[in-house]
């Protein structure tokens, strides 16, 4: 069982930056695809960005391209999401998700992920 712990959320103003972290532990040997999703009130959970730690394959949702940067540390089984130029519409609970995979493909469908963190709140005021 893989356990995911997110950190780094908070309340900021538009244009500010935040860095989210997600540390995976327990049985991570074959669980190398880590992604961030977010869910705002009344909306479905949506893909934000993901990475395959072994091959450094990256994927971004269009609205965050150029503003968010995902990176990972395979040795630490940790993924980071650097969020710059934050907008009020980025406000949501951000969830870390992990998929049992050692391949390059980073899926965007929530059903493809095996493990989820508890989430961290990001609030961006205008």
Foldseek 3Di string as FASTA:
>chain_A
DKAKDKDWADEEAAQAKIKMKIFIDDPCPQWFKKFKWWDDPPDDIWGAKIARQQVGQIDGDVVQPPFWDKDDDPVRRMIMIIGGRDDQVVWGWMKMFIARHNDGDHDTDPVRTDDIYPTDTHGYHD
